[in-house]
Amino acid sequence: MGRFIKLYEDHTDINEVRKIVDELRRGGVIIYPTDTVYAIGCDIMQPKAIQRVASLKGIKPERALFSIICSDISMAGKYTKIGDKVFKFMKRTLPGPFTFILPAAKSLPSSIEGLRKTIGIRIPDNRIVQAIVEELGNPLLTTSVKSDGGETEYTTDPELIFEKYEKLVEVVIDGGYGNDEPSTVVDCSDDEPEIIRQGMGTF
């Protein structure tokens, strides 16, 4: 049975963060807050954990359009190809509620990349998930908590999320009530930013 851990953005308990990271390194799956919706994720270096996340979403790993959460643009640059124009654009808007679609670098694990040439990058304006990624030292795979028939309370209230997922994941983090609007998706794969989904993020 998974653990329910309360964390605060303004005073994130590093000892709890380290316990969460230990679970991730052992192949655990966690649910955590972002600056938009609550998300399900795992260490991108753990292929079996990625398969578990895909199973929770009811999709095959090779067909999953997962994104990764990075602690900063420098980390994102290790796994993607960022041109000068896009770098300046990202620097103006991040951290924030955006997903940037970028060309994947060869360093991105094959279990994430699959047959795709691009990957979504998130750098949320949320200190809890930032602290986890910083302690982990590499990105988290991320996908939003699945909504059942538009009942947003099951994807925004951490206690209800825990009731649903406590037997399916190792940790559910209570970071307060979440939002029900996703990130704005910006396709930067051709070095010319184009909004393909309008969400919380605005320019």
N, C-alpha and C. Protein backbone atom coordinates (compact mmCIF):
# COMPACT_ATOMS: atom_id res chain seq x y z
N MET A 1 0.84 -1.20 0.00
CA MET A 1 0.00 0.00 0.00
C MET A 1 0.87 1.25 0.00
N GLY A 2 0.48 2.21 -0.81
CA GLY A 2 1.27 3.42 -0.94
C GLY A 2 1.20 4.33 0.28
N ARG A 3 2.14 5.25 0.35
CA ARG A 3 2.18 6.23 1.43
C ARG A 3 1.57 7.55 0.97
N PHE A 4 0.96 8.27 1.91
CA PHE A 4 0.38 9.59 1.66
C PHE A 4 1.24 10.59 2.41
N ILE A 5 1.94 11.45 1.68
CA ILE A 5 2.92 12.35 2.28
C ILE A 5 2.51 13.80 2.02
N LYS A 6 2.43 14.58 3.09
CA LYS A 6 2.11 16.00 2.97
C LYS A 6 3.41 16.79 2.83
N LEU A 7 3.50 17.60 1.78
CA LEU A 7 4.66 18.48 1.59
C LEU A 7 4.17 19.89 1.30
N TYR A 8 5.00 20.86 1.67
CA TYR A 8 4.66 22.27 1.47
C TYR A 8 5.68 22.93 0.56
N GLU A 9 5.17 23.75 -0.36
CA GLU A 9 6.07 24.43 -1.30
C GLU A 9 7.04 25.37 -0.59
N ASP A 10 6.55 26.06 0.42
CA ASP A 10 7.40 27.07 1.06
C ASP A 10 8.37 26.48 2.08
N HIS A 11 8.19 25.19 2.41
CA HIS A 11 9.12 24.54 3.35
C HIS A 11 9.07 23.04 3.08
N THR A 12 9.74 22.63 2.02
CA THR A 12 9.72 21.22 1.62
C THR A 12 10.69 20.42 2.47
N ASP A 13 10.19 19.39 3.13
CA ASP A 13 10.97 18.54 4.03
C ASP A 13 11.95 17.70 3.20
N ILE A 14 13.23 18.01 3.27
CA ILE A 14 14.23 17.31 2.45
C ILE A 14 14.33 15.84 2.81
N ASN A 15 14.08 15.49 4.06
CA ASN A 15 14.13 14.08 4.46
C ASN A 15 13.02 13.28 3.77
N GLU A 16 11.83 13.86 3.68
CA GLU A 16 10.73 13.21 2.97
C GLU A 16 11.03 13.14 1.47
N VAL A 17 11.62 14.21 0.94
CA VAL A 17 11.99 14.22 -0.48
C VAL A 17 12.96 13.08 -0.78
N ARG A 18 13.92 12.87 0.10
CA ARG A 18 14.90 11.79 -0.11
C ARG A 18 14.25 10.42 -0.04
N LYS A 19 13.27 10.24 0.82
CA LYS A 19 12.55 8.97 0.89
C LYS A 19 11.79 8.73 -0.42
N ILE A 20 11.20 9.78 -0.95
CA ILE A 20 10.47 9.67 -2.22
C ILE A 20 11.43 9.31 -3.35
N VAL A 21 12.58 9.96 -3.37
CA VAL A 21 13.58 9.68 -4.40
C VAL A 21 14.10 8.25 -4.28
N ASP A 22 14.26 7.76 -3.06
CA ASP A 22 14.66 6.35 -2.88
C ASP A 22 13.64 5.41 -3.51
N GLU A 23 12.37 5.73 -3.35
CA GLU A 23 11.32 4.91 -3.97
C GLU A 23 11.43 4.96 -5.49
N LEU A 24 11.69 6.14 -6.03
CA LEU A 24 11.83 6.29 -7.47
C LEU A 24 13.01 5.47 -8.00
N ARG A 25 14.12 5.51 -7.30
CA ARG A 25 15.31 4.77 -7.73
C ARG A 25 15.12 3.26 -7.64
N ARG A 26 14.18 2.84 -6.81
CA ARG A 26 13.86 1.41 -6.71
C ARG A 26 12.80 1.00 -7.74
N GLY A 27 12.42 1.93 -8.59
CA GLY A 27 11.41 1.62 -9.60
C GLY A 27 10.00 1.95 -9.19
N GLY A 28 9.85 2.79 -8.17
CA GLY A 28 8.53 3.16 -7.70
C GLY A 28 7.83 4.17 -8.60
N VAL A 29 6.52 4.22 -8.46
CA VAL A 29 5.67 5.17 -9.18
C VAL A 29 5.05 6.10 -8.14
N ILE A 30 5.02 7.39 -8.43
CA ILE A 30 4.48 8.36 -7.49
C ILE A 30 3.46 9.27 -8.18
N ILE A 31 2.63 9.90 -7.36
CA ILE A 31 1.71 10.94 -7.84
C ILE A 31 2.04 12.21 -7.08
N TYR A 32 2.14 13.31 -7.80
CA TYR A 32 2.69 14.53 -7.22
C TYR A 32 2.03 15.77 -7.83
N PRO A 33 2.11 16.89 -7.13
CA PRO A 33 1.54 18.14 -7.65
C PRO A 33 2.48 18.80 -8.65
N THR A 34 1.89 19.54 -9.57
CA THR A 34 2.66 20.42 -10.45
C THR A 34 2.02 21.80 -10.35
N ASP A 35 2.37 22.69 -11.26
CA ASP A 35 1.71 24.01 -11.26
C ASP A 35 0.40 23.97 -12.05
N THR A 36 0.06 22.80 -12.60
CA THR A 36 -1.23 22.63 -13.29
C THR A 36 -1.99 21.51 -12.60
N VAL A 37 -2.05 20.33 -13.21
CA VAL A 37 -2.78 19.21 -12.64
C VAL A 37 -1.84 18.28 -11.87
N TYR A 38 -2.43 17.40 -11.04
CA TYR A 38 -1.64 16.35 -10.41
C TYR A 38 -1.18 15.37 -11.50
N ALA A 39 0.00 14.79 -11.27
CA ALA A 39 0.60 13.94 -12.29
C ALA A 39 1.09 12.62 -11.71
N ILE A 40 1.16 11.61 -12.58
CA ILE A 40 1.74 10.31 -12.25
C ILE A 40 3.12 10.27 -12.90
N GLY A 41 4.11 9.76 -12.17
CA GLY A 41 5.44 9.73 -12.77
C GLY A 41 6.37 8.73 -12.14
N CYS A 42 7.55 8.63 -12.75
CA CYS A 42 8.58 7.72 -12.27
C CYS A 42 9.93 8.22 -12.79
N ASP A 43 10.98 7.58 -12.34
CA ASP A 43 12.34 7.86 -12.82
C ASP A 43 12.46 7.41 -14.27
N ILE A 44 12.93 8.27 -15.17
CA ILE A 44 13.03 7.89 -16.58
C ILE A 44 14.07 6.80 -16.82
N MET A 45 14.88 6.51 -15.81
CA MET A 45 15.89 5.46 -15.94
C MET A 45 15.37 4.08 -15.53
N GLN A 46 14.07 3.99 -15.21
CA GLN A 46 13.48 2.73 -14.74
C GLN A 46 12.43 2.23 -15.73
N PRO A 47 12.83 1.41 -16.71
CA PRO A 47 11.90 0.95 -17.76
C PRO A 47 10.66 0.25 -17.23
N LYS A 48 10.80 -0.58 -16.19
CA LYS A 48 9.64 -1.29 -15.65
C LYS A 48 8.65 -0.33 -15.02
N ALA A 49 9.17 0.73 -14.40
CA ALA A 49 8.29 1.74 -13.82
C ALA A 49 7.53 2.48 -14.92
N ILE A 50 8.19 2.73 -16.04
CA ILE A 50 7.53 3.38 -17.17
C ILE A 50 6.38 2.51 -17.68
N GLN A 51 6.60 1.21 -17.72
CA GLN A 51 5.53 0.29 -18.13
C GLN A 51 4.36 0.35 -17.17
N ARG A 52 4.65 0.48 -15.88
CA ARG A 52 3.58 0.59 -14.88
C ARG A 52 2.77 1.87 -15.08
N VAL A 53 3.45 2.98 -15.36
CA VAL A 53 2.75 4.24 -15.59
C VAL A 53 1.84 4.12 -16.81
N ALA A 54 2.35 3.50 -17.87
CA ALA A 54 1.55 3.30 -19.08
C ALA A 54 0.33 2.45 -18.78
N SER A 55 0.51 1.43 -17.96
CA SER A 55 -0.60 0.55 -17.59
C SER A 55 -1.67 1.32 -16.81
N LEU A 56 -1.24 2.20 -15.90
CA LEU A 56 -2.19 3.01 -15.14
C LEU A 56 -3.01 3.92 -16.06
N LYS A 57 -2.40 4.34 -17.17
CA LYS A 57 -3.11 5.19 -18.13
C LYS A 57 -3.88 4.38 -19.17
N GLY A 58 -3.68 3.05 -19.15
CA GLY A 58 -4.39 2.19 -20.09
C GLY A 58 -3.88 2.27 -21.50
N ILE A 59 -2.57 2.53 -21.65
CA ILE A 59 -1.97 2.64 -22.98
C ILE A 59 -0.67 1.83 -23.05
N LYS A 60 -0.25 1.51 -24.25
CA LYS A 60 1.00 0.79 -24.44
C LYS A 60 2.16 1.78 -24.35
N PRO A 61 3.28 1.39 -23.69
CA PRO A 61 4.41 2.31 -23.52
C PRO A 61 4.92 2.92 -24.83
N GLU A 62 4.94 2.10 -25.89
CA GLU A 62 5.48 2.59 -27.16
C GLU A 62 4.55 3.59 -27.85
N ARG A 63 3.30 3.65 -27.40
CA ARG A 63 2.34 4.60 -27.97
C ARG A 63 2.10 5.81 -27.06
N ALA A 64 2.70 5.77 -25.90
CA ALA A 64 2.45 6.82 -24.92
C ALA A 64 3.18 8.12 -25.27
N LEU A 65 2.47 9.21 -25.23
CA LEU A 65 3.08 10.53 -25.47
C LEU A 65 3.44 11.16 -24.13
N PHE A 66 4.33 10.49 -23.41
CA PHE A 66 4.75 11.01 -22.12
C PHE A 66 5.67 12.21 -22.30
N SER A 67 5.69 13.05 -21.28
CA SER A 67 6.64 14.16 -21.21
C SER A 67 7.61 13.87 -20.06
N ILE A 68 8.62 14.71 -19.92
CA ILE A 68 9.53 14.59 -18.80
C ILE A 68 9.61 15.92 -18.06
N ILE A 69 9.77 15.84 -16.74
CA ILE A 69 9.93 17.03 -15.91
C ILE A 69 11.41 17.22 -15.61
N CYS A 70 11.92 18.39 -15.91
CA CYS A 70 13.31 18.74 -15.62
C CYS A 70 13.34 19.82 -14.54
N SER A 71 14.47 19.90 -13.85
CA SER A 71 14.60 20.91 -12.80
C SER A 71 14.87 22.29 -13.37
N ASP A 72 15.50 22.34 -14.53
CA ASP A 72 15.81 23.63 -15.17
C ASP A 72 16.13 23.39 -16.64
N ILE A 73 16.39 24.48 -17.37
CA ILE A 73 16.65 24.38 -18.80
C ILE A 73 17.96 23.64 -19.06
N SER A 74 18.92 23.77 -18.15
CA SER A 74 20.20 23.07 -18.30
C SER A 74 19.98 21.56 -18.34
N MET A 75 19.15 21.03 -17.43
CA MET A 75 18.85 19.60 -17.45
C MET A 75 18.10 19.23 -18.72
N ALA A 76 17.16 20.07 -19.14
CA ALA A 76 16.42 19.79 -20.37
C ALA A 76 17.35 19.69 -21.58
N GLY A 77 18.40 20.51 -21.56
CA GLY A 77 19.36 20.52 -22.66
C GLY A 77 20.19 19.25 -22.77
N LYS A 78 20.21 18.44 -21.71
CA LYS A 78 20.94 17.18 -21.74
C LYS A 78 20.17 16.09 -22.49
N TYR A 79 18.85 16.27 -22.59
CA TYR A 79 18.01 15.24 -23.18
C TYR A 79 17.28 15.68 -24.44
N THR A 80 17.43 16.97 -24.78
CA THR A 80 16.79 17.51 -25.98
C THR A 80 17.76 18.44 -26.70
N LYS A 81 17.35 18.82 -27.90
CA LYS A 81 18.13 19.78 -28.68
C LYS A 81 17.40 21.11 -28.65
N ILE A 82 18.05 22.11 -28.06
CA ILE A 82 17.42 23.42 -27.88
C ILE A 82 18.21 24.47 -28.66
N GLY A 83 17.58 25.05 -29.68
CA GLY A 83 18.21 26.11 -30.45
C GLY A 83 18.22 27.42 -29.68
N ASP A 84 19.00 28.37 -30.15
CA ASP A 84 19.15 29.65 -29.46
C ASP A 84 17.83 30.40 -29.31
N LYS A 85 17.03 30.40 -30.37
CA LYS A 85 15.75 31.12 -30.34
C LYS A 85 14.80 30.50 -29.33
N VAL A 86 14.74 29.17 -29.34
CA VAL A 86 13.86 28.47 -28.40
C VAL A 86 14.37 28.61 -26.98
N PHE A 87 15.68 28.59 -26.80
CA PHE A 87 16.26 28.76 -25.47
C PHE A 87 15.82 30.09 -24.86
N LYS A 88 15.89 31.15 -25.63
CA LYS A 88 15.48 32.48 -25.15
C LYS A 88 13.99 32.49 -24.81
N PHE A 89 13.21 31.82 -25.65
CA PHE A 89 11.77 31.73 -25.45
C PHE A 89 11.45 30.98 -24.17
N MET A 90 12.13 29.87 -23.94
CA MET A 90 11.92 29.07 -22.73
C MET A 90 12.36 29.83 -21.49
N LYS A 91 13.46 30.54 -21.61
CA LYS A 91 13.98 31.29 -20.46
C LYS A 91 13.01 32.36 -20.00
N ARG A 92 12.24 32.92 -20.93
CA ARG A 92 11.25 33.96 -20.59
C ARG A 92 10.02 33.38 -19.90
N THR A 93 9.72 32.11 -20.15
CA THR A 93 8.43 31.56 -19.71
C THR A 93 8.55 30.49 -18.62
N LEU A 94 9.74 30.00 -18.36
CA LEU A 94 9.91 28.91 -17.39
C LEU A 94 10.64 29.37 -16.14
N PRO A 95 10.37 28.76 -14.97
CA PRO A 95 9.36 27.71 -14.78
C PRO A 95 7.94 28.24 -14.94
N GLY A 96 7.06 27.37 -15.42
CA GLY A 96 5.69 27.79 -15.65
C GLY A 96 4.86 26.68 -16.26
N PRO A 97 3.56 26.95 -16.48
CA PRO A 97 2.62 25.92 -16.94
C PRO A 97 2.66 25.68 -18.44
N PHE A 98 3.83 25.29 -18.91
CA PHE A 98 4.03 25.03 -20.34
C PHE A 98 4.66 23.66 -20.55
N THR A 99 4.32 23.03 -21.67
CA THR A 99 5.03 21.84 -22.15
C THR A 99 5.64 22.22 -23.49
N PHE A 100 6.96 22.10 -23.59
CA PHE A 100 7.65 22.41 -24.84
C PHE A 100 8.01 21.12 -25.55
N ILE A 101 7.55 20.98 -26.80
CA ILE A 101 7.90 19.82 -27.62
C ILE A 101 9.20 20.13 -28.33
N LEU A 102 10.24 19.31 -28.04
CA LEU A 102 11.57 19.56 -28.58
C LEU A 102 12.15 18.30 -29.21
N PRO A 103 13.10 18.44 -30.14
CA PRO A 103 13.77 17.26 -30.70
C PRO A 103 14.51 16.50 -29.61
N ALA A 104 14.35 15.20 -29.60
CA ALA A 104 14.99 14.36 -28.58
C ALA A 104 16.47 14.18 -28.89
N ALA A 105 17.29 14.20 -27.84
CA ALA A 105 18.72 13.93 -27.97
C ALA A 105 18.96 12.43 -27.78
N LYS A 106 20.12 11.96 -28.21
CA LYS A 106 20.45 10.54 -28.12
C LYS A 106 20.58 10.08 -26.67
N SER A 107 20.80 11.00 -25.76
CA SER A 107 20.94 10.66 -24.34
C SER A 107 19.61 10.29 -23.68
N LEU A 108 18.49 10.58 -24.36
CA LEU A 108 17.19 10.24 -23.81
C LEU A 108 17.03 8.72 -23.84
N PRO A 109 16.67 8.09 -22.71
CA PRO A 109 16.54 6.64 -22.68
C PRO A 109 15.57 6.13 -23.75
N SER A 110 15.91 5.02 -24.38
CA SER A 110 15.09 4.48 -25.46
C SER A 110 13.69 4.09 -24.97
N SER A 111 13.57 3.76 -23.69
CA SER A 111 12.26 3.40 -23.14
C SER A 111 11.30 4.58 -23.12
N ILE A 112 11.85 5.79 -23.16
CA ILE A 112 11.02 7.00 -23.24
C ILE A 112 10.80 7.39 -24.69
N GLU A 113 11.88 7.39 -25.43
CA GLU A 113 11.84 7.92 -26.79
C GLU A 113 11.03 7.04 -27.73
N GLY A 114 11.23 5.71 -27.64
CA GLY A 114 10.55 4.81 -28.56
C GLY A 114 10.89 5.15 -29.99
N LEU A 115 9.87 5.29 -30.81
CA LEU A 115 10.07 5.62 -32.22
C LEU A 115 9.92 7.11 -32.48
N ARG A 116 9.73 7.88 -31.42
CA ARG A 116 9.51 9.31 -31.60
C ARG A 116 10.82 10.08 -31.71
N LYS A 117 10.74 11.19 -32.39
CA LYS A 117 11.91 12.05 -32.54
C LYS A 117 11.82 13.29 -31.66
N THR A 118 10.69 13.43 -30.97
CA THR A 118 10.49 14.59 -30.11
C THR A 118 10.05 14.15 -28.72
N ILE A 119 10.17 15.06 -27.76
CA ILE A 119 9.75 14.78 -26.39
C ILE A 119 9.23 16.07 -25.76
N GLY A 120 8.20 15.94 -24.92
CA GLY A 120 7.67 17.09 -24.22
C GLY A 120 8.48 17.38 -22.96
N ILE A 121 8.78 18.63 -22.74
CA ILE A 121 9.56 19.06 -21.57
C ILE A 121 8.70 19.94 -20.68
N ARG A 122 8.69 19.61 -19.37
CA ARG A 122 8.00 20.43 -18.37
C ARG A 122 9.00 20.90 -17.33
N ILE A 123 8.94 22.16 -16.98
CA ILE A 123 9.67 22.71 -15.84
C ILE A 123 8.63 23.48 -15.02
N PRO A 124 7.89 22.77 -14.17
CA PRO A 124 6.76 23.39 -13.47
C PRO A 124 7.22 24.42 -12.44
N ASP A 125 6.36 25.40 -12.23
CA ASP A 125 6.58 26.39 -11.17
C ASP A 125 5.97 25.83 -9.89
N ASN A 126 6.59 24.75 -9.40
CA ASN A 126 6.14 24.08 -8.18
C ASN A 126 7.37 23.57 -7.46
N ARG A 127 7.61 24.08 -6.27
CA ARG A 127 8.85 23.78 -5.56
C ARG A 127 8.92 22.32 -5.11
N ILE A 128 7.80 21.67 -4.89
CA ILE A 128 7.80 20.28 -4.43
C ILE A 128 8.39 19.37 -5.50
N VAL A 129 7.83 19.43 -6.70
CA VAL A 129 8.34 18.54 -7.76
C VAL A 129 9.74 18.96 -8.20
N GLN A 130 10.05 20.25 -8.14
CA GLN A 130 11.41 20.69 -8.46
C GLN A 130 12.42 20.07 -7.50
N ALA A 131 12.08 20.05 -6.21
CA ALA A 131 12.98 19.48 -5.21
C ALA A 131 13.20 17.99 -5.45
N ILE A 132 12.15 17.29 -5.85
CA ILE A 132 12.27 15.86 -6.13
C ILE A 132 13.20 15.61 -7.31
N VAL A 133 13.02 16.35 -8.38
CA VAL A 133 13.85 16.17 -9.58
C VAL A 133 15.30 16.55 -9.29
N GLU A 134 15.50 17.63 -8.55
CA GLU A 134 16.87 18.04 -8.19
C GLU A 134 17.57 16.95 -7.38
N GLU A 135 16.88 16.36 -6.43
CA GLU A 135 17.47 15.31 -5.60
C GLU A 135 17.69 14.03 -6.41
N LEU A 136 16.79 13.73 -7.34
CA LEU A 136 16.92 12.55 -8.19
C LEU A 136 18.11 12.68 -9.14
N GLY A 137 18.32 13.88 -9.66
CA GLY A 137 19.46 14.12 -10.54
C GLY A 137 19.22 13.87 -12.00
N ASN A 138 18.01 13.44 -12.34
CA ASN A 138 17.61 13.28 -13.75
C ASN A 138 16.09 13.46 -13.82
N PRO A 139 15.53 13.59 -15.01
CA PRO A 139 14.11 13.92 -15.11
C PRO A 139 13.17 12.83 -14.61
N LEU A 140 11.96 13.27 -14.31
CA LEU A 140 10.83 12.38 -14.05
C LEU A 140 10.03 12.22 -15.33
N LEU A 141 9.60 11.01 -15.61
CA LEU A 141 8.56 10.84 -16.62
C LEU A 141 7.27 11.37 -16.03
N THR A 142 6.43 12.00 -16.82
CA THR A 142 5.21 12.59 -16.27
C THR A 142 4.03 12.46 -17.22
N THR A 143 2.87 12.23 -16.62
CA THR A 143 1.61 12.22 -17.35
C THR A 143 0.51 12.59 -16.36
N SER A 144 -0.50 13.29 -16.82
CA SER A 144 -1.53 13.78 -15.91
C SER A 144 -2.35 12.63 -15.33
N VAL A 145 -2.86 12.84 -14.11
CA VAL A 145 -3.77 11.87 -13.51
C VAL A 145 -5.02 11.81 -14.36
N LYS A 146 -5.43 10.61 -14.68
CA LYS A 146 -6.56 10.40 -15.60
C LYS A 146 -7.87 10.80 -14.96
N SER A 147 -8.67 11.54 -15.69
CA SER A 147 -9.98 11.96 -15.20
C SER A 147 -11.04 10.93 -15.60
N ASP A 148 -11.96 10.63 -14.69
CA ASP A 148 -13.06 9.71 -14.97
C ASP A 148 -14.32 10.50 -15.29
N GLY A 149 -14.63 10.60 -16.55
CA GLY A 149 -15.87 11.24 -16.94
C GLY A 149 -15.99 12.69 -16.55
N GLY A 150 -14.86 13.39 -16.49
CA GLY A 150 -14.88 14.81 -16.21
C GLY A 150 -15.07 15.17 -14.75
N GLU A 151 -15.00 14.17 -13.84
CA GLU A 151 -15.15 14.46 -12.42
C GLU A 151 -13.83 14.98 -11.87
N THR A 152 -13.64 16.28 -11.95
CA THR A 152 -12.33 16.87 -11.69
C THR A 152 -11.87 16.73 -10.25
N GLU A 153 -12.81 16.53 -9.29
CA GLU A 153 -12.38 16.42 -7.91
C GLU A 153 -11.49 15.19 -7.70
N TYR A 154 -11.65 14.19 -8.54
CA TYR A 154 -10.82 12.99 -8.41
C TYR A 154 -9.42 13.19 -9.00
N THR A 155 -9.18 14.30 -9.63
CA THR A 155 -7.86 14.59 -10.17
C THR A 155 -7.24 15.83 -9.54
N THR A 156 -7.97 16.52 -8.68
CA THR A 156 -7.47 17.74 -8.06
C THR A 156 -7.35 17.65 -6.54
N ASP A 157 -8.12 16.78 -5.91
CA ASP A 157 -8.10 16.61 -4.46
C ASP A 157 -7.15 15.47 -4.11
N PRO A 158 -6.01 15.75 -3.47
CA PRO A 158 -5.02 14.69 -3.21
C PRO A 158 -5.54 13.55 -2.34
N GLU A 159 -6.48 13.83 -1.42
CA GLU A 159 -7.02 12.76 -0.58
C GLU A 159 -7.85 11.79 -1.41
N LEU A 160 -8.63 12.32 -2.34
CA LEU A 160 -9.42 11.45 -3.22
C LEU A 160 -8.52 10.70 -4.20
N ILE A 161 -7.46 11.37 -4.65
CA ILE A 161 -6.49 10.70 -5.52
C ILE A 161 -5.87 9.51 -4.78
N PHE A 162 -5.52 9.73 -3.51
CA PHE A 162 -4.92 8.65 -2.72
C PHE A 162 -5.90 7.48 -2.55
N GLU A 163 -7.17 7.79 -2.30
CA GLU A 163 -8.16 6.72 -2.17
C GLU A 163 -8.19 5.85 -3.42
N LYS A 164 -8.04 6.46 -4.56
CA LYS A 164 -8.12 5.72 -5.82
C LYS A 164 -6.83 4.96 -6.14
N TYR A 165 -5.69 5.56 -5.80
CA TYR A 165 -4.41 5.00 -6.27
C TYR A 165 -3.53 4.39 -5.17
N GLU A 166 -4.02 4.34 -3.92
CA GLU A 166 -3.13 3.92 -2.82
C GLU A 166 -2.58 2.51 -2.99
N LYS A 167 -3.28 1.65 -3.70
CA LYS A 167 -2.79 0.28 -3.91
C LYS A 167 -2.05 0.12 -5.24
N LEU A 168 -1.94 1.21 -5.99
CA LEU A 168 -1.35 1.15 -7.32
C LEU A 168 -0.01 1.86 -7.44
N VAL A 169 0.27 2.78 -6.50
CA VAL A 169 1.53 3.53 -6.54
C VAL A 169 2.18 3.49 -5.16
N GLU A 170 3.47 3.84 -5.11
CA GLU A 170 4.21 3.82 -3.86
C GLU A 170 3.95 5.06 -3.00
N VAL A 171 3.77 6.21 -3.64
CA VAL A 171 3.60 7.47 -2.90
C VAL A 171 2.59 8.37 -3.60
N VAL A 172 1.70 8.97 -2.82
CA VAL A 172 0.88 10.09 -3.29
C VAL A 172 1.26 11.28 -2.43
N ILE A 173 1.67 12.36 -3.07
CA ILE A 173 2.09 13.56 -2.35
C ILE A 173 0.93 14.55 -2.28
N ASP A 174 0.63 14.98 -1.08
CA ASP A 174 -0.38 16.01 -0.87
C ASP A 174 0.33 17.36 -0.87
N GLY A 175 0.18 18.08 -1.97
CA GLY A 175 0.77 19.41 -2.07
C GLY A 175 -0.30 20.48 -2.12
N GLY A 176 -1.48 20.15 -1.60
CA GLY A 176 -2.59 21.09 -1.67
C GLY A 176 -3.50 20.77 -2.84
N TYR A 177 -4.60 21.48 -2.91
CA TYR A 177 -5.57 21.25 -3.98
C TYR A 177 -4.98 21.65 -5.33
N GLY A 178 -5.13 20.78 -6.32
CA GLY A 178 -4.54 21.04 -7.63
C GLY A 178 -5.48 21.78 -8.56
N ASN A 179 -4.98 22.11 -9.73
CA ASN A 179 -5.79 22.76 -10.76
C ASN A 179 -6.41 21.69 -11.66
N ASP A 180 -7.39 22.09 -12.47
CA ASP A 180 -8.00 21.15 -13.41
C ASP A 180 -7.75 21.56 -14.86
N GLU A 181 -6.85 22.53 -15.05
CA GLU A 181 -6.51 22.97 -16.41
C GLU A 181 -5.07 22.54 -16.71
N PRO A 182 -4.84 21.91 -17.86
CA PRO A 182 -3.50 21.41 -18.18
C PRO A 182 -2.56 22.52 -18.64
N SER A 183 -1.34 22.12 -18.91
CA SER A 183 -0.34 23.08 -19.40
C SER A 183 -0.61 23.47 -20.85
N THR A 184 -0.08 24.60 -21.24
CA THR A 184 -0.10 25.01 -22.64
C THR A 184 1.03 24.28 -23.37
N VAL A 185 0.70 23.62 -24.47
CA VAL A 185 1.69 22.85 -25.23
C VAL A 185 2.20 23.69 -26.40
N VAL A 186 3.52 23.84 -26.44
CA VAL A 186 4.16 24.64 -27.49
C VAL A 186 5.11 23.75 -28.28
N ASP A 187 4.84 23.60 -29.57
CA ASP A 187 5.69 22.79 -30.44
C ASP A 187 6.87 23.62 -30.91
N CYS A 188 8.07 23.25 -30.45
CA CYS A 188 9.29 23.95 -30.84
C CYS A 188 10.21 23.02 -31.64
N SER A 189 9.66 21.98 -32.21
CA SER A 189 10.49 21.00 -32.92
C SER A 189 11.11 21.56 -34.20
N ASP A 190 10.50 22.63 -34.75
CA ASP A 190 11.05 23.25 -35.96
C ASP A 190 11.69 24.61 -35.67
N ASP A 191 11.99 24.85 -34.40
CA ASP A 191 12.65 26.08 -33.96
C ASP A 191 11.77 27.32 -34.13
N GLU A 192 10.50 27.12 -34.46
CA GLU A 192 9.55 28.23 -34.56
C GLU A 192 8.36 27.89 -33.66
N PRO A 193 8.30 28.43 -32.44
CA PRO A 193 7.27 28.04 -31.49
C PRO A 193 5.85 28.16 -32.03
N GLU A 194 5.05 27.12 -31.81
CA GLU A 194 3.65 27.10 -32.25
C GLU A 194 2.81 26.46 -31.16
N ILE A 195 1.79 27.18 -30.69
CA ILE A 195 0.90 26.65 -29.67
C ILE A 195 -0.01 25.59 -30.30
N ILE A 196 0.03 24.35 -29.77
CA ILE A 196 -0.85 23.30 -30.28
C ILE A 196 -1.93 22.92 -29.27
N ARG A 197 -1.81 23.41 -28.04
CA ARG A 197 -2.90 23.27 -27.05
C ARG A 197 -2.82 24.45 -26.08
N GLN A 198 -3.88 25.22 -26.03
CA GLN A 198 -3.91 26.33 -25.07
C GLN A 198 -4.38 25.83 -23.72
N GLY A 199 -3.55 26.02 -22.72
CA GLY A 199 -3.88 25.62 -21.36
C GLY A 199 -3.70 26.80 -20.43
N MET A 200 -3.15 26.53 -19.25
CA MET A 200 -2.98 27.58 -18.23
C MET A 200 -1.99 28.66 -18.65
N GLY A 201 -0.94 28.23 -19.36
CA GLY A 201 0.13 29.17 -19.70
C GLY A 201 -0.26 30.17 -20.77
N THR A 202 0.03 31.45 -20.50
CA THR A 202 -0.20 32.50 -21.49
C THR A 202 1.07 33.31 -21.64
N PHE A 203 1.23 33.88 -22.82
CA PHE A 203 2.45 34.65 -23.12
C PHE A 203 2.19 36.15 -22.94
